[in-house]
Amino acid sequence: EWDVLNEPTLNRNLIDRYGMDIVKKWFGWARQYAPTGTKLYVNETRIVNAKTTGNLEKFCQFLDGMVASGVEFDGIGIQGHTDEFASPVEFYENLKVLAKYGKEMKITEFDTGRMMQMYPYAEASYIRDVLILIFSMEEMNGFFMWGFWDSMSSYGNAPLFDADWTLKTSGEQYLDLVYNQWWTREAGKTGDNGTWGTRAY
């Protein structure tokens, strides 16, 4: 995978000067030189944060421009930065708007802000709900954190571990969902035809 273009609605000096033609060239060059099968992404921020109302509309306008100009891309990355408490329902509604483009999608930079640090149980509930909604969407193909440990976090508050590597309440939610609720632990012996099957995530 290759994030060919990052934050095009915020950092657009070249786009403003050269228009969508330059975007088409960037993705064309990426397609030309990337290994066969590489997924080309456009990645954007301020889509799921309650403080940044309006950027989703700008991003959709940009994506509409990419489609109209014939830019070939495979995926949409959505940075998951949350500076304050945001609604998982709003998060989901915004993702559904982007799903209409028919591309695979990823959360690329998930984290939680300083305000959530004061309310660990609310933070844990938020992370649980966000993970469940992402898991429920067929278009979603990945979830990446912007630092999972406080000492790696831009805000000094990461989703999983304190600075001393103590697992947070929100980290407990993550581990339970990923390694208990969604993890398949099955074993078996193949038959004479060399196959064995089970239902699994």
C-alpha atoms as a PDB file:
ATOM      1  CA  GLU A   1       0.000   0.000   0.000  1.00  0.00           C
ATOM      2  CA  TRP A   2       1.112   3.552  -0.673  1.00  0.00           C
ATOM      3  CA  ASP A   3      -0.343   6.764   0.725  1.00  0.00           C
ATOM      4  CA  VAL A   4       0.298   8.688  -2.463  1.00  0.00           C
ATOM      5  CA  LEU A   5      -1.435  11.836  -1.249  1.00  0.00           C
ATOM      6  CA  ASN A   6      -1.833  12.968   2.354  1.00  0.00           C
ATOM      7  CA  GLU A   7      -4.112  15.730   3.718  1.00  0.00           C
ATOM      8  CA  PRO A   8      -5.051  17.274   0.361  1.00  0.00           C
ATOM      9  CA  THR A   9      -7.708  19.589   1.819  1.00  0.00           C
ATOM     10  CA  LEU A  10      -5.235  21.224   4.232  1.00  0.00           C
ATOM     11  CA  ASN A  11      -1.955  21.205   2.317  1.00  0.00           C
ATOM     12  CA  ARG A  12      -2.863  22.188  -1.199  1.00  0.00           C
ATOM     13  CA  ASN A  13      -0.390  24.749  -2.471  1.00  0.00           C
ATOM     14  CA  LEU A  14       0.599  22.603  -5.459  1.00  0.00           C
ATOM     15  CA  ILE A  15      -2.981  21.520  -6.112  1.00  0.00           C
ATOM     16  CA  ASP A  16      -4.202  25.112  -6.068  1.00  0.00           C
ATOM     17  CA  ARG A  17      -1.485  26.052  -8.540  1.00  0.00           C
ATOM     18  CA  TYR A  18      -1.687  23.094 -10.929  1.00  0.00           C
ATOM     19  CA  GLY A  19      -5.180  21.699 -10.365  1.00  0.00           C
ATOM     20  CA  MET A  20      -6.271  18.080 -10.481  1.00  0.00           C
ATOM     21  CA  ASP A  21      -3.841  17.400 -13.331  1.00  0.00           C
ATOM     22  CA  ILE A  22      -0.963  17.220 -10.864  1.00  0.00           C
ATOM     23  CA  VAL A  23      -2.905  14.774  -8.693  1.00  0.00           C
ATOM     24  CA  LYS A  24      -3.522  12.569 -11.712  1.00  0.00           C
ATOM     25  CA  LYS A  25       0.198  12.650 -12.523  1.00  0.00           C
ATOM     26  CA  TRP A  26       1.167  11.713  -8.948  1.00  0.00           C
ATOM     27  CA  PHE A  27      -1.101   8.677  -8.945  1.00  0.00           C
ATOM     28  CA  GLY A  28      -0.062   7.783 -12.480  1.00  0.00           C
ATOM     29  CA  TRP A  29       3.625   7.827 -11.527  1.00  0.00           C
ATOM     30  CA  ALA A  30       2.874   5.795  -8.403  1.00  0.00           C
ATOM     31  CA  ARG A  31       1.012   3.217 -10.466  1.00  0.00           C
ATOM     32  CA  GLN A  32       3.850   3.096 -12.974  1.00  0.00           C
ATOM     33  CA  TYR A  33       6.671   2.563 -10.482  1.00  0.00           C
ATOM     34  CA  ALA A  34       5.016   0.708  -7.594  1.00  0.00           C
ATOM     35  CA  PRO A  35       5.199  -3.086  -7.476  1.00  0.00           C
ATOM     36  CA  THR A  36       2.308  -4.844  -9.181  1.00  0.00           C
ATOM     37  CA  GLY A  37      -0.718  -5.048  -6.928  1.00  0.00           C
ATOM     38  CA  THR A  38       0.186  -2.058  -4.768  1.00  0.00           C
ATOM     39  CA  LYS A  39      -2.934  -0.291  -3.440  1.00  0.00           C
ATOM     40  CA  LEU A  40      -2.795   3.486  -3.930  1.00  0.00           C
ATOM     41  CA  TYR A  41      -4.411   5.579  -1.195  1.00  0.00           C
ATOM     42  CA  VAL A  42      -5.450   9.146  -0.569  1.00  0.00           C
ATOM     43  CA  ASN A  43      -5.294   9.920   3.158  1.00  0.00           C
ATOM     44  CA  GLU A  44      -7.151  12.715   4.962  1.00  0.00           C
ATOM     45  CA  THR A  45      -7.456  14.179   8.449  1.00  0.00           C
ATOM     46  CA  ARG A  46     -10.198  15.965  10.396  1.00  0.00           C
ATOM     47  CA  ILE A  47     -12.923  13.622   9.202  1.00  0.00           C
ATOM     48  CA  VAL A  48     -13.969  12.040  12.495  1.00  0.00           C
ATOM     49  CA  ASN A  49     -13.166  14.736  15.058  1.00  0.00           C
ATOM     50  CA  ALA A  50     -16.120  16.580  16.599  1.00  0.00           C
ATOM     51  CA  LYS A  51     -14.192  19.885  16.436  1.00  0.00           C
ATOM     52  CA  THR A  52     -13.692  19.821  12.678  1.00  0.00           C
ATOM     53  CA  THR A  53     -17.163  19.970  11.220  1.00  0.00           C
ATOM     54  CA  GLY A  54     -17.069  20.723   7.501  1.00  0.00           C
ATOM     55  CA  ASN A  55     -13.879  18.997   6.454  1.00  0.00           C
ATOM     56  CA  LEU A  56     -15.757  15.875   5.406  1.00  0.00           C
ATOM     57  CA  GLU A  57     -17.626  17.933   2.823  1.00  0.00           C
ATOM     58  CA  LYS A  58     -14.354  19.426   1.526  1.00  0.00           C
ATOM     59  CA  PHE A  59     -12.799  15.982   1.293  1.00  0.00           C
ATOM     60  CA  CYS A  60     -15.804  14.621  -0.614  1.00  0.00           C
ATOM     61  CA  GLN A  61     -15.526  17.529  -3.048  1.00  0.00           C
ATOM     62  CA  PHE A  62     -11.874  16.642  -3.546  1.00  0.00           C
ATOM     63  CA  LEU A  63     -12.679  12.961  -4.081  1.00  0.00           C
ATOM     64  CA  ASP A  64     -15.402  13.934  -6.546  1.00  0.00           C
ATOM     65  CA  GLY A  65     -12.748  15.908  -8.416  1.00  0.00           C
ATOM     66  CA  MET A  66     -10.422  12.895  -8.455  1.00  0.00           C
ATOM     67  CA  VAL A  67     -13.161  10.670  -9.846  1.00  0.00           C
ATOM     68  CA  ALA A  68     -14.232  13.245 -12.460  1.00  0.00           C
ATOM     69  CA  SER A  69     -10.608  13.685 -13.571  1.00  0.00           C
ATOM     70  CA  GLY A  70     -10.058   9.955 -13.961  1.00  0.00           C
ATOM     71  CA  VAL A  71      -7.523   9.632 -11.133  1.00  0.00           C
ATOM     72  CA  GLU A  72      -7.001   5.926 -10.484  1.00  0.00           C
ATOM     73  CA  PHE A  73      -6.872   5.144  -6.772  1.00  0.00           C
ATOM     74  CA  ASP A  74      -7.751   2.104  -4.666  1.00  0.00           C
ATOM     75  CA  GLY A  75      -8.277   3.272  -1.121  1.00  0.00           C
ATOM     76  CA  ILE A  76      -9.269   6.046   1.252  1.00  0.00           C
ATOM     77  CA  GLY A  77      -7.360   6.532   4.488  1.00  0.00           C
ATOM     78  CA  ILE A  78      -9.108   8.329   7.343  1.00  0.00           C
ATOM     79  CA  GLN A  79      -6.961   9.666  10.129  1.00  0.00           C
ATOM     80  CA  GLY A  80      -8.643   8.865  13.436  1.00  0.00           C
ATOM     81  CA  HIS A  81      -7.250  11.673  15.603  1.00  0.00           C
ATOM     82  CA  THR A  82      -9.659  12.635  18.363  1.00  0.00           C
ATOM     83  CA  ASP A  83      -8.710  15.810  20.256  1.00  0.00           C
ATOM     84  CA  GLU A  84     -11.817  15.679  22.418  1.00  0.00           C
ATOM     85  CA  PHE A  85     -14.814  13.420  22.963  1.00  0.00           C
ATOM     86  CA  ALA A  86     -16.485  12.553  19.697  1.00  0.00           C
ATOM     87  CA  SER A  87     -19.589  10.516  19.026  1.00  0.00           C
ATOM     88  CA  PRO A  88     -19.040   6.992  17.669  1.00  0.00           C
ATOM     89  CA  VAL A  89     -22.341   7.484  15.837  1.00  0.00           C
ATOM     90  CA  GLU A  90     -20.961  10.590  14.079  1.00  0.00           C
ATOM     91  CA  PHE A  91     -17.772   8.641  13.370  1.00  0.00           C
ATOM     92  CA  TYR A  92     -19.851   5.904  11.710  1.00  0.00           C
ATOM     93  CA  GLU A  93     -22.042   8.294   9.731  1.00  0.00           C
ATOM     94  CA  ASN A  94     -18.965  10.030   8.303  1.00  0.00           C
ATOM     95  CA  LEU A  95     -17.408   6.719   7.310  1.00  0.00           C
ATOM     96  CA  LYS A  96     -20.618   5.688   5.553  1.00  0.00           C
ATOM     97  CA  VAL A  97     -20.464   8.902   3.490  1.00  0.00           C
ATOM     98  CA  LEU A  98     -16.972   7.942   2.298  1.00  0.00           C
ATOM     99  CA  ALA A  99     -18.007   4.340   1.633  1.00  0.00           C
ATOM    100  CA  LYS A 100     -20.117   5.545  -1.303  1.00  0.00           C
ATOM    101  CA  TYR A 101     -16.921   5.845  -3.388  1.00  0.00           C
ATOM    102  CA  GLY A 102     -16.610   2.066  -3.448  1.00  0.00           C
ATOM    103  CA  LYS A 103     -12.969   2.019  -2.332  1.00  0.00           C
ATOM    104  CA  GLU A 104     -11.392   0.031   0.451  1.00  0.00           C
ATOM    105  CA  MET A 105     -10.873   2.146   3.567  1.00  0.00           C
ATOM    106  CA  LYS A 106      -8.583   2.261   6.587  1.00  0.00           C
ATOM    107  CA  ILE A 107      -8.331   4.200   9.817  1.00  0.00           C
ATOM    108  CA  THR A 108      -4.740   5.349   9.558  1.00  0.00           C
ATOM    109  CA  GLU A 109      -3.840   7.496  12.583  1.00  0.00           C
ATOM    110  CA  PHE A 110      -6.147   6.675  15.477  1.00  0.00           C
ATOM    111  CA  ASP A 111      -5.471   8.238  18.851  1.00  0.00           C
ATOM    112  CA  THR A 112      -7.231   9.915  21.753  1.00  0.00           C
ATOM    113  CA  GLY A 113      -6.631  13.398  23.113  1.00  0.00           C
ATOM    114  CA  ARG A 114      -5.753  14.968  26.438  1.00  0.00           C
ATOM    115  CA  MET A 115      -9.372  15.448  27.436  1.00  0.00           C
ATOM    116  CA  MET A 116     -10.097  11.727  27.280  1.00  0.00           C
ATOM    117  CA  GLN A 117      -7.166  11.070  29.592  1.00  0.00           C
ATOM    118  CA  MET A 118      -9.234  12.511  32.445  1.00  0.00           C
ATOM    119  CA  TYR A 119     -12.092  10.059  31.848  1.00  0.00           C
ATOM    120  CA  PRO A 120     -10.581   6.595  31.318  1.00  0.00           C
ATOM    121  CA  TYR A 121     -13.882   4.694  31.346  1.00  0.00           C
ATOM    122  CA  ALA A 122     -15.447   7.017  28.789  1.00  0.00           C
ATOM    123  CA  GLU A 123     -12.296   6.707  26.685  1.00  0.00           C
ATOM    124  CA  ALA A 124     -12.498   2.918  26.912  1.00  0.00           C
ATOM    125  CA  SER A 125     -16.147   2.948  25.837  1.00  0.00           C
ATOM    126  CA  TYR A 126     -15.323   5.214  22.902  1.00  0.00           C
ATOM    127  CA  ILE A 127     -12.495   2.994  21.696  1.00  0.00           C
ATOM    128  CA  ARG A 128     -14.646  -0.125  22.088  1.00  0.00           C
ATOM    129  CA  ASP A 129     -17.483   1.405  20.078  1.00  0.00           C
ATOM    130  CA  VAL A 130     -15.184   2.718  17.341  1.00  0.00           C
ATOM    131  CA  LEU A 131     -13.487  -0.653  16.929  1.00  0.00           C
ATOM    132  CA  ILE A 132     -16.839  -2.440  16.701  1.00  0.00           C
ATOM    133  CA  LEU A 133     -18.198  -0.034  14.088  1.00  0.00           C
ATOM    134  CA  ILE A 134     -15.023  -0.316  11.997  1.00  0.00           C
ATOM    135  CA  PHE A 135     -15.125  -4.106  12.265  1.00  0.00           C
ATOM    136  CA  SER A 136     -18.746  -4.050  11.104  1.00  0.00           C
ATOM    137  CA  MET A 137     -18.014  -2.220   7.831  1.00  0.00           C
ATOM    138  CA  GLU A 138     -17.202  -4.353   4.818  1.00  0.00           C
ATOM    139  CA  GLU A 139     -15.224  -1.505   3.243  1.00  0.00           C
ATOM    140  CA  MET A 140     -12.833  -1.255   6.205  1.00  0.00           C
ATOM    141  CA  ASN A 141      -9.567  -3.051   5.643  1.00  0.00           C
ATOM    142  CA  GLY A 142      -7.351  -1.896   8.502  1.00  0.00           C
ATOM    143  CA  PHE A 143      -6.870   0.072  11.705  1.00  0.00           C
ATOM    144  CA  PHE A 144      -3.606   1.823  12.564  1.00  0.00           C
ATOM    145  CA  MET A 145      -2.829   3.810  15.719  1.00  0.00           C
ATOM    146  CA  TRP A 146      -0.854   7.035  15.931  1.00  0.00           C
ATOM    147  CA  GLY A 147       1.147   5.739  18.875  1.00  0.00           C
ATOM    148  CA  PHE A 148      -0.310   3.103  21.198  1.00  0.00           C
ATOM    149  CA  TRP A 149       1.930   4.044  24.174  1.00  0.00           C
ATOM    150  CA  ASP A 150       1.821   7.396  25.994  1.00  0.00           C
ATOM    151  CA  SER A 151       5.506   8.092  25.380  1.00  0.00           C
ATOM    152  CA  MET A 152       4.910   7.802  21.609  1.00  0.00           C
ATOM    153  CA  SER A 153       1.751   9.907  21.556  1.00  0.00           C
ATOM    154  CA  SER A 154       1.499  13.447  20.183  1.00  0.00           C
ATOM    155  CA  TYR A 155      -0.963  14.218  22.973  1.00  0.00           C
ATOM    156  CA  GLY A 156       0.765  12.282  25.738  1.00  0.00           C
ATOM    157  CA  ASN A 157      -2.299  10.046  25.797  1.00  0.00           C
ATOM    158  CA  ALA A 158      -2.291   6.902  23.703  1.00  0.00           C
ATOM    159  CA  PRO A 159      -5.064   4.306  23.483  1.00  0.00           C
ATOM    160  CA  LEU A 160      -3.362   1.248  24.991  1.00  0.00           C
ATOM    161  CA  PHE A 161      -0.504   1.842  27.452  1.00  0.00           C
ATOM    162  CA  ASP A 162       0.661   4.392  30.034  1.00  0.00           C
ATOM    163  CA  ALA A 163       4.235   5.662  29.827  1.00  0.00           C
ATOM    164  CA  ASP A 164       5.311   2.884  32.232  1.00  0.00           C
ATOM    165  CA  TRP A 165       3.621   0.270  29.989  1.00  0.00           C
ATOM    166  CA  THR A 166       0.663  -0.249  32.319  1.00  0.00           C
ATOM    167  CA  LEU A 167      -2.301  -1.461  30.283  1.00  0.00           C
ATOM    168  CA  LYS A 168      -5.090   1.138  30.279  1.00  0.00           C
ATOM    169  CA  THR A 169      -8.801   0.462  30.639  1.00  0.00           C
ATOM    170  CA  SER A 170      -9.117   1.303  26.939  1.00  0.00           C
ATOM    171  CA  GLY A 171      -6.290  -1.138  26.229  1.00  0.00           C
ATOM    172  CA  GLU A 172      -8.260  -3.845  28.000  1.00  0.00           C
ATOM    173  CA  GLN A 173     -11.155  -3.189  25.609  1.00  0.00           C
ATOM    174  CA  TYR A 174      -8.840  -3.474  22.611  1.00  0.00           C
ATOM    175  CA  LEU A 175      -7.318  -6.749  23.801  1.00  0.00           C
ATOM    176  CA  ASP A 176     -10.709  -8.259  24.631  1.00  0.00           C
ATOM    177  CA  LEU A 177     -12.179  -7.440  21.223  1.00  0.00           C
ATOM    178  CA  VAL A 178      -9.187  -8.388  19.097  1.00  0.00           C
ATOM    179  CA  TYR A 179      -7.891 -11.424  20.987  1.00  0.00           C
ATOM    180  CA  ASN A 180     -11.094 -12.778  22.562  1.00  0.00           C
ATOM    181  CA  GLN A 181     -14.225 -11.674  20.719  1.00  0.00           C
ATOM    182  CA  TRP A 182     -12.762 -11.702  17.196  1.00  0.00           C
ATOM    183  CA  TRP A 183     -10.009 -14.286  17.524  1.00  0.00           C
ATOM    184  CA  THR A 184     -10.556 -17.841  16.325  1.00  0.00           C
ATOM    185  CA  ARG A 185      -8.952 -20.621  18.342  1.00  0.00           C
ATOM    186  CA  GLU A 186      -9.713 -23.889  16.615  1.00  0.00           C
ATOM    187  CA  ALA A 187      -7.704 -26.989  15.872  1.00  0.00           C
ATOM    188  CA  GLY A 188      -8.431 -30.131  13.928  1.00  0.00           C
ATOM    189  CA  LYS A 189      -7.109 -32.981  11.882  1.00  0.00           C
ATOM    190  CA  THR A 190      -7.376 -33.161   8.113  1.00  0.00           C
ATOM    191  CA  GLY A 191      -9.361 -35.913   6.493  1.00  0.00           C
ATOM    192  CA  ASP A 192      -8.123 -38.330   3.866  1.00  0.00           C
ATOM    193  CA  ASN A 193      -8.448 -35.611   1.239  1.00  0.00           C
ATOM    194  CA  GLY A 194      -6.061 -33.353   3.199  1.00  0.00           C
ATOM    195  CA  THR A 195      -8.580 -30.683   4.160  1.00  0.00           C
ATOM    196  CA  TRP A 196     -10.118 -29.488   7.398  1.00  0.00           C
ATOM    197  CA  GLY A 197     -12.539 -26.585   7.829  1.00  0.00           C
ATOM    198  CA  THR A 198     -14.139 -24.410  10.479  1.00  0.00           C
ATOM    199  CA  ARG A 199     -16.044 -21.172  10.793  1.00  0.00           C
ATOM    200  CA  ALA A 200     -13.629 -18.386  11.663  1.00  0.00           C
ATOM    201  CA  TYR A 201     -13.239 -14.633  11.689  1.00  0.00           C
END
